[in-house]
Amino acid sequence: MDGKTKLRILIRTIKKTPIDLMQAAASSSGAEPQVALLCEAGATYHPQYMGAGGRWTPDLTTKPRYCFKDKMEILDYCKKVYPSHDITNIVEASHYVKVSNWCKLGSSSAAKCKVTRWVKPFRCLAARERARTEKRTRSSDKRNSVPNGANPHGTRRVRTPPVQAKLKGSPYGPR
């Protein structure tokens, strides 16, 4: 590439918004769309997203007033960070992940972000991924299910007659 071509690419890159750059990095690396949120008493942190090369990146463009706790807010944030994906659902990870470089609200550069914490990230599922996940869940449910009326323990069910009250004068017993 000559110098002019490099300059054109650089100018196009600079004109893109940070969200466009985040999306391009995540889609080119093949990293799964995920977001991480840190909620600590007395401190608000910028959220992070899975960026280029599968690395967590602080999102300094988002300035939350409070920690995202509502699932719909997290879903909306996933849609904002990954606009070219058709994000339709979120799933909290089943395990904790160590995430570095948390930025307190008000930090203007990532150089000042030094906090490291263990958090459970949220996977941002696109429509195709969601269908694949649901299909996997249904097939495992079929393998683990038992036919109607069958006993899952493999033992035979014995039908017992209903217990009848034998007290004299009882409205439920014989007269």
N, C-alpha and C. Protein backbone atom coordinates (compact mmCIF):
# COMPACT_ATOMS: atom_id res chain seq x y z
N MET A 1 0.84 -1.19 0.00
CA MET A 1 0.00 0.00 0.00
C MET A 1 0.88 1.24 0.00
N ASP A 2 0.45 2.21 -0.78
CA ASP A 2 1.19 3.46 -0.79
C ASP A 2 0.71 4.37 0.34
N GLY A 3 1.35 5.46 0.53
CA GLY A 3 1.04 6.38 1.62
C GLY A 3 -0.35 6.98 1.53
N LYS A 4 -0.83 7.25 0.30
CA LYS A 4 -2.17 7.84 0.14
C LYS A 4 -3.25 6.85 0.56
N THR A 5 -3.09 5.59 0.21
CA THR A 5 -4.09 4.57 0.59
C THR A 5 -4.14 4.43 2.10
N LYS A 6 -2.99 4.39 2.74
CA LYS A 6 -2.96 4.29 4.20
C LYS A 6 -3.65 5.50 4.84
N LEU A 7 -3.41 6.68 4.27
CA LEU A 7 -4.02 7.89 4.80
C LEU A 7 -5.54 7.84 4.65
N ARG A 8 -6.04 7.37 3.50
CA ARG A 8 -7.49 7.26 3.29
C ARG A 8 -8.11 6.31 4.31
N ILE A 9 -7.47 5.17 4.54
CA ILE A 9 -7.98 4.20 5.51
C ILE A 9 -7.99 4.81 6.90
N LEU A 10 -6.95 5.53 7.25
CA LEU A 10 -6.87 6.18 8.56
C LEU A 10 -7.98 7.21 8.72
N ILE A 11 -8.24 8.00 7.70
CA ILE A 11 -9.30 9.02 7.77
C ILE A 11 -10.66 8.36 7.91
N ARG A 12 -10.91 7.28 7.15
CA ARG A 12 -12.19 6.57 7.28
C ARG A 12 -12.35 6.01 8.69
N THR A 13 -11.29 5.51 9.26
CA THR A 13 -11.34 4.95 10.61
C THR A 13 -11.63 6.04 11.63
N ILE A 14 -11.01 7.19 11.48
CA ILE A 14 -11.22 8.29 12.43
C ILE A 14 -12.66 8.80 12.36
N LYS A 15 -13.27 8.80 11.19
CA LYS A 15 -14.63 9.29 11.04
C LYS A 15 -15.66 8.38 11.69
N LYS A 16 -15.30 7.13 11.92
CA LYS A 16 -16.25 6.19 12.52
C LYS A 16 -16.41 6.49 14.00
N THR A 17 -17.59 6.20 14.50
CA THR A 17 -17.84 6.39 15.93
C THR A 17 -17.20 5.26 16.71
N PRO A 18 -17.00 5.44 18.01
CA PRO A 18 -16.43 4.35 18.81
C PRO A 18 -17.27 3.08 18.76
N ILE A 19 -18.58 3.22 18.67
CA ILE A 19 -19.45 2.04 18.59
C ILE A 19 -19.19 1.28 17.29
N ASP A 20 -19.02 2.01 16.17
CA ASP A 20 -18.71 1.36 14.89
C ASP A 20 -17.39 0.59 14.99
N LEU A 21 -16.41 1.20 15.62
CA LEU A 21 -15.11 0.54 15.76
C LEU A 21 -15.21 -0.69 16.65
N MET A 22 -16.00 -0.60 17.72
CA MET A 22 -16.19 -1.76 18.61
C MET A 22 -16.80 -2.91 17.84
N GLN A 23 -17.84 -2.59 17.06
CA GLN A 23 -18.54 -3.63 16.31
C GLN A 23 -17.63 -4.26 15.27
N ALA A 24 -16.89 -3.45 14.56
CA ALA A 24 -16.00 -3.97 13.53
C ALA A 24 -14.94 -4.87 14.14
N ALA A 25 -14.42 -4.48 15.28
CA ALA A 25 -13.39 -5.28 15.94
C ALA A 25 -13.96 -6.61 16.41
N ALA A 26 -15.14 -6.59 17.00
CA ALA A 26 -15.73 -7.83 17.52
C ALA A 26 -16.10 -8.78 16.39
N SER A 27 -16.65 -8.24 15.29
CA SER A 27 -17.07 -9.13 14.21
C SER A 27 -15.88 -9.71 13.46
N SER A 28 -14.79 -8.96 13.35
CA SER A 28 -13.63 -9.48 12.62
C SER A 28 -12.87 -10.52 13.43
N SER A 29 -12.92 -10.42 14.75
CA SER A 29 -12.17 -11.36 15.58
C SER A 29 -12.91 -12.66 15.80
N GLY A 30 -14.20 -12.67 15.56
CA GLY A 30 -14.99 -13.86 15.82
C GLY A 30 -15.34 -14.02 17.29
N ALA A 31 -15.04 -13.02 18.11
CA ALA A 31 -15.35 -13.09 19.54
C ALA A 31 -16.86 -13.02 19.73
N GLU A 32 -17.33 -13.74 20.72
CA GLU A 32 -18.76 -13.74 21.02
C GLU A 32 -19.17 -12.40 21.61
N PRO A 33 -20.28 -11.81 21.15
CA PRO A 33 -20.73 -10.55 21.73
C PRO A 33 -21.10 -10.73 23.21
N GLN A 34 -20.41 -9.99 24.07
CA GLN A 34 -20.66 -10.05 25.50
C GLN A 34 -20.47 -8.68 26.10
N VAL A 35 -21.15 -8.44 27.21
CA VAL A 35 -20.93 -7.21 27.98
C VAL A 35 -20.70 -7.59 29.43
N ALA A 36 -19.92 -6.76 30.11
CA ALA A 36 -19.64 -6.98 31.53
C ALA A 36 -19.98 -5.71 32.28
N LEU A 37 -20.63 -5.88 33.43
CA LEU A 37 -21.05 -4.75 34.24
C LEU A 37 -20.53 -4.95 35.65
N LEU A 38 -20.04 -3.89 36.26
CA LEU A 38 -19.52 -3.96 37.62
C LEU A 38 -20.34 -3.05 38.51
N CYS A 39 -20.96 -3.64 39.51
CA CYS A 39 -21.80 -2.89 40.44
C CYS A 39 -21.21 -3.02 41.84
N GLU A 40 -20.65 -1.95 42.35
CA GLU A 40 -20.14 -1.92 43.71
C GLU A 40 -20.77 -0.76 44.45
N ALA A 41 -20.98 -0.94 45.73
CA ALA A 41 -21.57 0.12 46.54
C ALA A 41 -20.64 1.33 46.56
N GLY A 42 -21.20 2.48 46.26
CA GLY A 42 -20.44 3.72 46.32
C GLY A 42 -19.61 4.04 45.10
N ALA A 43 -19.57 3.17 44.10
CA ALA A 43 -18.77 3.44 42.90
C ALA A 43 -19.54 3.00 41.66
N THR A 44 -19.50 3.83 40.63
CA THR A 44 -20.12 3.49 39.36
C THR A 44 -19.02 3.36 38.32
N TYR A 45 -19.06 2.27 37.57
CA TYR A 45 -18.03 1.99 36.57
C TYR A 45 -18.63 1.96 35.17
N HIS A 46 -17.80 2.31 34.20
CA HIS A 46 -18.22 2.20 32.80
C HIS A 46 -18.35 0.72 32.45
N PRO A 47 -19.37 0.36 31.67
CA PRO A 47 -19.49 -1.05 31.25
C PRO A 47 -18.35 -1.41 30.29
N GLN A 48 -18.16 -2.72 30.12
CA GLN A 48 -17.15 -3.20 29.17
C GLN A 48 -17.81 -4.13 28.17
N TYR A 49 -17.19 -4.26 27.01
CA TYR A 49 -17.69 -5.14 25.95
C TYR A 49 -16.53 -5.98 25.44
N MET A 50 -16.86 -7.08 24.81
CA MET A 50 -15.83 -7.95 24.23
C MET A 50 -15.39 -7.34 22.91
N GLY A 51 -14.15 -6.94 22.84
CA GLY A 51 -13.65 -6.25 21.66
C GLY A 51 -12.76 -7.13 20.80
N ALA A 52 -11.87 -6.49 20.07
CA ALA A 52 -10.98 -7.18 19.12
C ALA A 52 -10.12 -8.21 19.83
N GLY A 53 -9.99 -9.33 19.19
CA GLY A 53 -9.13 -10.38 19.72
C GLY A 53 -9.64 -11.02 21.00
N GLY A 54 -10.92 -10.82 21.31
CA GLY A 54 -11.47 -11.43 22.51
C GLY A 54 -11.03 -10.76 23.79
N ARG A 55 -10.74 -9.48 23.76
CA ARG A 55 -10.32 -8.74 24.96
C ARG A 55 -11.43 -7.83 25.44
N TRP A 56 -11.52 -7.68 26.75
CA TRP A 56 -12.50 -6.77 27.33
C TRP A 56 -12.01 -5.34 27.16
N THR A 57 -12.93 -4.47 26.74
CA THR A 57 -12.60 -3.07 26.48
C THR A 57 -13.58 -2.17 27.21
N PRO A 58 -13.08 -1.19 27.99
CA PRO A 58 -13.99 -0.26 28.67
C PRO A 58 -14.70 0.62 27.64
N ASP A 59 -15.99 0.83 27.85
CA ASP A 59 -16.78 1.69 26.96
C ASP A 59 -16.90 3.06 27.62
N LEU A 60 -15.98 3.95 27.28
CA LEU A 60 -15.97 5.28 27.88
C LEU A 60 -17.03 6.20 27.29
N THR A 61 -17.71 5.76 26.22
CA THR A 61 -18.76 6.58 25.62
C THR A 61 -20.07 6.47 26.38
N THR A 62 -20.26 5.39 27.13
CA THR A 62 -21.49 5.20 27.90
C THR A 62 -21.25 5.68 29.32
N LYS A 63 -22.10 6.58 29.77
CA LYS A 63 -21.98 7.14 31.11
C LYS A 63 -23.24 6.80 31.92
N PRO A 64 -23.27 5.63 32.52
CA PRO A 64 -24.48 5.23 33.26
C PRO A 64 -24.65 6.07 34.53
N ARG A 65 -25.90 6.41 34.83
CA ARG A 65 -26.20 7.14 36.07
C ARG A 65 -26.16 6.18 37.24
N TYR A 66 -26.43 4.93 36.96
CA TYR A 66 -26.46 3.88 37.98
C TYR A 66 -26.08 2.58 37.30
N CYS A 67 -25.88 1.56 38.07
CA CYS A 67 -25.47 0.27 37.51
C CYS A 67 -26.65 -0.39 36.80
N PHE A 68 -26.41 -0.92 35.61
CA PHE A 68 -27.45 -1.64 34.88
C PHE A 68 -27.79 -2.90 35.67
N LYS A 69 -29.03 -3.02 36.11
CA LYS A 69 -29.46 -4.25 36.78
C LYS A 69 -30.67 -4.84 36.08
N ASP A 70 -31.45 -4.00 35.43
CA ASP A 70 -32.65 -4.47 34.73
C ASP A 70 -32.23 -5.17 33.44
N LYS A 71 -32.82 -6.33 33.19
CA LYS A 71 -32.47 -7.13 32.01
C LYS A 71 -32.73 -6.37 30.71
N MET A 72 -33.78 -5.57 30.67
CA MET A 72 -34.08 -4.81 29.45
C MET A 72 -33.02 -3.74 29.19
N GLU A 73 -32.49 -3.14 30.25
CA GLU A 73 -31.41 -2.16 30.07
C GLU A 73 -30.15 -2.84 29.52
N ILE A 74 -29.87 -4.02 30.01
CA ILE A 74 -28.70 -4.76 29.53
C ILE A 74 -28.90 -5.16 28.07
N LEU A 75 -30.11 -5.60 27.73
CA LEU A 75 -30.41 -5.95 26.34
C LEU A 75 -30.25 -4.72 25.44
N ASP A 76 -30.77 -3.58 25.86
CA ASP A 76 -30.63 -2.35 25.07
C ASP A 76 -29.16 -1.97 24.90
N TYR A 77 -28.38 -2.16 25.95
CA TYR A 77 -26.95 -1.85 25.86
C TYR A 77 -26.26 -2.79 24.86
N CYS A 78 -26.62 -4.07 24.88
CA CYS A 78 -26.06 -5.02 23.91
C CYS A 78 -26.38 -4.57 22.48
N LYS A 79 -27.62 -4.15 22.27
CA LYS A 79 -28.02 -3.69 20.94
C LYS A 79 -27.23 -2.46 20.52
N LYS A 80 -26.92 -1.58 21.48
CA LYS A 80 -26.17 -0.37 21.18
C LYS A 80 -24.72 -0.71 20.82
N VAL A 81 -24.12 -1.61 21.57
CA VAL A 81 -22.72 -1.95 21.36
C VAL A 81 -22.52 -2.80 20.11
N TYR A 82 -23.49 -3.65 19.80
CA TYR A 82 -23.39 -4.55 18.64
C TYR A 82 -24.54 -4.28 17.67
N PRO A 83 -24.57 -3.10 17.00
CA PRO A 83 -25.71 -2.74 16.16
C PRO A 83 -25.87 -3.61 14.91
N SER A 84 -24.81 -4.20 14.39
CA SER A 84 -24.96 -5.00 13.18
C SER A 84 -25.44 -6.43 13.48
N HIS A 85 -25.43 -6.83 14.74
CA HIS A 85 -26.00 -8.12 15.13
C HIS A 85 -27.48 -7.90 15.44
N ASP A 86 -28.27 -8.89 15.18
CA ASP A 86 -29.70 -8.81 15.51
C ASP A 86 -29.88 -9.36 16.93
N ILE A 87 -29.45 -8.58 17.92
CA ILE A 87 -29.50 -9.03 19.32
C ILE A 87 -30.95 -9.07 19.78
N THR A 88 -31.38 -10.24 20.25
CA THR A 88 -32.77 -10.40 20.69
C THR A 88 -32.88 -10.89 22.13
N ASN A 89 -31.75 -11.29 22.73
CA ASN A 89 -31.83 -11.83 24.08
C ASN A 89 -30.46 -11.74 24.74
N ILE A 90 -30.46 -11.83 26.07
CA ILE A 90 -29.21 -11.89 26.82
C ILE A 90 -29.27 -13.09 27.76
N VAL A 91 -28.10 -13.62 28.06
CA VAL A 91 -28.01 -14.73 29.02
C VAL A 91 -26.81 -14.45 29.91
N GLU A 92 -27.04 -14.49 31.22
CA GLU A 92 -25.93 -14.30 32.15
C GLU A 92 -25.06 -15.55 32.13
N ALA A 93 -23.76 -15.35 32.12
CA ALA A 93 -22.83 -16.48 32.11
C ALA A 93 -22.98 -17.29 33.39
N SER A 94 -22.64 -18.56 33.30
CA SER A 94 -22.77 -19.44 34.47
C SER A 94 -21.53 -19.38 35.36
N HIS A 95 -20.47 -18.73 34.89
CA HIS A 95 -19.25 -18.66 35.68
C HIS A 95 -18.69 -17.24 35.69
N TYR A 96 -17.83 -16.99 36.66
CA TYR A 96 -17.21 -15.68 36.78
C TYR A 96 -15.98 -15.59 35.87
N VAL A 97 -15.70 -14.36 35.42
CA VAL A 97 -14.57 -14.09 34.55
C VAL A 97 -13.81 -12.92 35.16
N LYS A 98 -12.49 -12.99 35.13
CA LYS A 98 -11.66 -11.90 35.65
C LYS A 98 -11.53 -10.83 34.56
N VAL A 99 -12.02 -9.63 34.86
CA VAL A 99 -12.00 -8.53 33.89
C VAL A 99 -11.16 -7.40 34.48
N SER A 100 -10.20 -6.92 33.71
CA SER A 100 -9.30 -5.85 34.14
C SER A 100 -9.72 -4.52 33.53
N ASN A 101 -9.06 -3.48 33.97
CA ASN A 101 -9.19 -2.13 33.40
C ASN A 101 -10.58 -1.53 33.56
N TRP A 102 -11.20 -1.72 34.72
CA TRP A 102 -12.49 -1.07 34.98
C TRP A 102 -12.24 0.42 35.21
N CYS A 103 -13.05 1.25 34.57
CA CYS A 103 -12.92 2.70 34.68
C CYS A 103 -14.05 3.26 35.52
N LYS A 104 -13.70 4.02 36.54
CA LYS A 104 -14.73 4.68 37.33
C LYS A 104 -15.38 5.75 36.46
N LEU A 105 -16.64 6.00 36.75
CA LEU A 105 -17.38 7.01 35.99
C LEU A 105 -16.64 8.34 36.10
N GLY A 106 -16.45 9.00 34.99
CA GLY A 106 -15.73 10.26 34.96
C GLY A 106 -14.32 10.11 34.41
N SER A 107 -13.83 8.88 34.28
CA SER A 107 -12.50 8.67 33.69
C SER A 107 -12.56 9.05 32.22
N SER A 108 -11.60 9.85 31.79
CA SER A 108 -11.61 10.28 30.39
C SER A 108 -10.72 9.42 29.50
N SER A 109 -9.80 8.68 30.11
CA SER A 109 -8.94 7.82 29.28
C SER A 109 -8.78 6.46 29.94
N ALA A 110 -8.57 5.46 29.10
CA ALA A 110 -8.43 4.09 29.59
C ALA A 110 -7.11 3.90 30.34
N ALA A 111 -6.18 4.84 30.22
CA ALA A 111 -4.89 4.73 30.91
C ALA A 111 -5.06 4.79 32.43
N LYS A 112 -6.13 5.43 32.90
CA LYS A 112 -6.36 5.57 34.34
C LYS A 112 -7.17 4.41 34.92
N CYS A 113 -7.52 3.46 34.10
CA CYS A 113 -8.39 2.36 34.53
C CYS A 113 -7.52 1.20 35.02
N LYS A 114 -7.50 0.99 36.33
CA LYS A 114 -6.61 -0.01 36.91
C LYS A 114 -7.34 -1.09 37.70
N VAL A 115 -8.62 -0.96 37.92
CA VAL A 115 -9.37 -1.88 38.78
C VAL A 115 -9.57 -3.22 38.07
N THR A 116 -9.38 -4.32 38.79
CA THR A 116 -9.63 -5.67 38.27
C THR A 116 -10.63 -6.36 39.19
N ARG A 117 -11.67 -6.96 38.62
CA ARG A 117 -12.69 -7.65 39.42
C ARG A 117 -13.17 -8.90 38.68
N TRP A 118 -13.72 -9.83 39.45
CA TRP A 118 -14.37 -11.02 38.90
C TRP A 118 -15.85 -10.70 38.75
N VAL A 119 -16.40 -10.87 37.55
CA VAL A 119 -17.81 -10.60 37.28
C VAL A 119 -18.40 -11.71 36.41
N LYS A 120 -19.72 -11.79 36.39
CA LYS A 120 -20.41 -12.69 35.46
C LYS A 120 -20.86 -11.85 34.27
N PRO A 121 -20.27 -12.04 33.09
CA PRO A 121 -20.69 -11.25 31.93
C PRO A 121 -22.04 -11.72 31.40
N PHE A 122 -22.61 -10.94 30.51
CA PHE A 122 -23.85 -11.30 29.82
C PHE A 122 -23.53 -11.56 28.36
N ARG A 123 -23.98 -12.70 27.84
CA ARG A 123 -23.86 -13.00 26.42
C ARG A 123 -24.98 -12.27 25.69
N CYS A 124 -24.65 -11.61 24.60
CA CYS A 124 -25.64 -10.92 23.78
C CYS A 124 -25.99 -11.85 22.62
N LEU A 125 -27.17 -12.43 22.66
CA LEU A 125 -27.55 -13.44 21.67
C LEU A 125 -28.28 -12.83 20.49
N ALA A 126 -27.82 -13.17 19.30
CA ALA A 126 -28.51 -12.76 18.08
C ALA A 126 -29.62 -13.77 17.81
N ALA A 127 -30.53 -13.44 16.92
CA ALA A 127 -31.68 -14.30 16.64
C ALA A 127 -31.24 -15.71 16.25
N ARG A 128 -30.22 -15.84 15.41
CA ARG A 128 -29.75 -17.15 14.96
C ARG A 128 -29.16 -17.94 16.12
N GLU A 129 -28.36 -17.28 16.96
CA GLU A 129 -27.75 -17.94 18.12
C GLU A 129 -28.82 -18.36 19.12
N ARG A 130 -29.82 -17.51 19.29
CA ARG A 130 -30.89 -17.82 20.24
C ARG A 130 -31.64 -19.07 19.80
N ALA A 131 -31.93 -19.17 18.49
CA ALA A 131 -32.63 -20.34 17.97
C ALA A 131 -31.78 -21.59 18.18
N ARG A 132 -30.47 -21.49 17.95
CA ARG A 132 -29.57 -22.62 18.15
C ARG A 132 -29.53 -23.03 19.62
N THR A 133 -29.50 -22.05 20.52
CA THR A 133 -29.47 -22.34 21.96
C THR A 133 -30.76 -23.01 22.39
N GLU A 134 -31.91 -22.50 21.91
CA GLU A 134 -33.19 -23.10 22.27
C GLU A 134 -33.31 -24.51 21.72
N LYS A 135 -32.80 -24.75 20.50
CA LYS A 135 -32.87 -26.08 19.91
C LYS A 135 -32.04 -27.06 20.74
N ARG A 136 -30.84 -26.62 21.17
CA ARG A 136 -30.00 -27.46 22.02
C ARG A 136 -30.71 -27.79 23.32
N THR A 137 -31.37 -26.80 23.91
CA THR A 137 -32.07 -27.00 25.17
C THR A 137 -33.22 -27.98 24.99
N ARG A 138 -33.99 -27.82 23.90
CA ARG A 138 -35.12 -28.73 23.65
C ARG A 138 -34.63 -30.15 23.44
N SER A 139 -33.54 -30.34 22.69
CA SER A 139 -33.07 -31.70 22.44
C SER A 139 -32.54 -32.34 23.72
N SER A 140 -31.90 -31.57 24.58
CA SER A 140 -31.43 -32.15 25.85
C SER A 140 -32.61 -32.43 26.76
N ASP A 141 -33.67 -31.61 26.68
CA ASP A 141 -34.88 -31.88 27.47
C ASP A 141 -35.51 -33.19 27.02
N LYS A 142 -35.51 -33.46 25.70
CA LYS A 142 -36.10 -34.70 25.19
C LYS A 142 -35.30 -35.91 25.68
N ARG A 143 -33.98 -35.79 25.68
CA ARG A 143 -33.15 -36.90 26.15
C ARG A 143 -33.37 -37.16 27.63
N ASN A 144 -33.60 -36.11 28.39
CA ASN A 144 -33.73 -36.25 29.84
C ASN A 144 -35.16 -36.45 30.30
N SER A 145 -36.12 -36.42 29.38
CA SER A 145 -37.52 -36.53 29.78
C SER A 145 -37.96 -37.98 29.78
N VAL A 146 -39.08 -38.23 30.44
CA VAL A 146 -39.67 -39.57 30.47
C VAL A 146 -41.05 -39.48 29.87
N PRO A 147 -41.55 -40.56 29.26
CA PRO A 147 -42.89 -40.52 28.67
C PRO A 147 -43.95 -40.24 29.74
N ASN A 148 -45.08 -39.72 29.29
CA ASN A 148 -46.17 -39.42 30.21
C ASN A 148 -46.55 -40.65 31.01
N GLY A 149 -46.66 -40.50 32.31
CA GLY A 149 -47.09 -41.57 33.18
C GLY A 149 -45.97 -42.50 33.60
N ALA A 150 -44.80 -42.39 32.99
CA ALA A 150 -43.70 -43.28 33.36
C ALA A 150 -43.02 -42.76 34.62
N ASN A 151 -42.47 -43.66 35.38
CA ASN A 151 -41.75 -43.31 36.58
C ASN A 151 -40.28 -43.11 36.21
N PRO A 152 -39.71 -41.95 36.50
CA PRO A 152 -38.33 -41.70 36.09
C PRO A 152 -37.32 -42.57 36.81
N HIS A 153 -37.70 -43.22 37.91
CA HIS A 153 -36.77 -44.05 38.68
C HIS A 153 -36.75 -45.50 38.20
N GLY A 154 -37.62 -45.85 37.26
CA GLY A 154 -37.64 -47.19 36.71
C GLY A 154 -38.38 -48.21 37.57
N THR A 155 -38.97 -47.78 38.66
CA THR A 155 -39.72 -48.71 39.51
C THR A 155 -41.17 -48.73 39.08
N ARG A 156 -41.86 -49.82 39.41
CA ARG A 156 -43.25 -49.96 39.00
C ARG A 156 -44.16 -49.19 39.96
N ARG A 157 -45.12 -48.49 39.40
CA ARG A 157 -46.08 -47.76 40.22
C ARG A 157 -47.17 -48.71 40.69
N VAL A 158 -47.50 -48.62 41.95
CA VAL A 158 -48.56 -49.45 42.51
C VAL A 158 -49.70 -48.53 42.90
N ARG A 159 -50.88 -48.86 42.42
CA ARG A 159 -52.04 -48.04 42.71
C ARG A 159 -52.63 -48.48 44.05
N THR A 160 -52.81 -47.52 44.93
CA THR A 160 -53.38 -47.83 46.24
C THR A 160 -54.78 -47.25 46.32
N PRO A 161 -55.69 -47.96 46.99
CA PRO A 161 -57.05 -47.44 47.10
C PRO A 161 -57.08 -46.23 48.02
N PRO A 162 -58.04 -45.34 47.83
CA PRO A 162 -58.13 -44.17 48.70
C PRO A 162 -58.46 -44.58 50.13
N VAL A 163 -57.94 -43.83 51.07
CA VAL A 163 -58.19 -44.10 52.49
C VAL A 163 -59.57 -43.57 52.84
N GLN A 164 -60.36 -44.40 53.53
CA GLN A 164 -61.70 -43.97 53.93
C GLN A 164 -61.75 -43.86 55.45
N ALA A 165 -62.44 -42.86 55.91
CA ALA A 165 -62.58 -42.67 57.36
C ALA A 165 -63.51 -43.74 57.91
N LYS A 166 -63.16 -44.32 59.05
CA LYS A 166 -63.94 -45.40 59.65
C LYS A 166 -64.65 -44.94 60.92
N LEU A 167 -64.62 -43.65 61.20
CA LEU A 167 -65.25 -43.16 62.42
C LEU A 167 -66.76 -43.10 62.26
N LYS A 168 -67.46 -43.52 63.33
CA LYS A 168 -68.91 -43.43 63.30
C LYS A 168 -69.31 -41.98 63.39
N GLY A 169 -70.28 -41.61 62.65
CA GLY A 169 -70.78 -40.24 62.68
C GLY A 169 -69.96 -39.28 61.83
N SER A 170 -68.93 -39.77 61.20
CA SER A 170 -68.11 -38.92 60.36
C SER A 170 -68.83 -38.69 59.03
N PRO A 171 -68.82 -37.49 58.55
CA PRO A 171 -69.50 -37.24 57.27
C PRO A 171 -68.82 -37.95 56.11
N TYR A 172 -67.59 -38.43 56.31
CA TYR A 172 -66.87 -39.08 55.22
C TYR A 172 -66.89 -40.61 55.31
N GLY A 173 -67.25 -41.15 56.44
CA GLY A 173 -67.21 -42.59 56.63
C GLY A 173 -68.55 -43.24 56.33
N PRO A 174 -68.59 -44.58 56.40
CA PRO A 174 -69.84 -45.30 56.15
C PRO A 174 -70.83 -45.07 57.29
N ARG A 175 -72.12 -45.16 56.99
CA ARG A 175 -73.15 -44.94 58.01
C ARG A 175 -73.89 -46.17 58.33
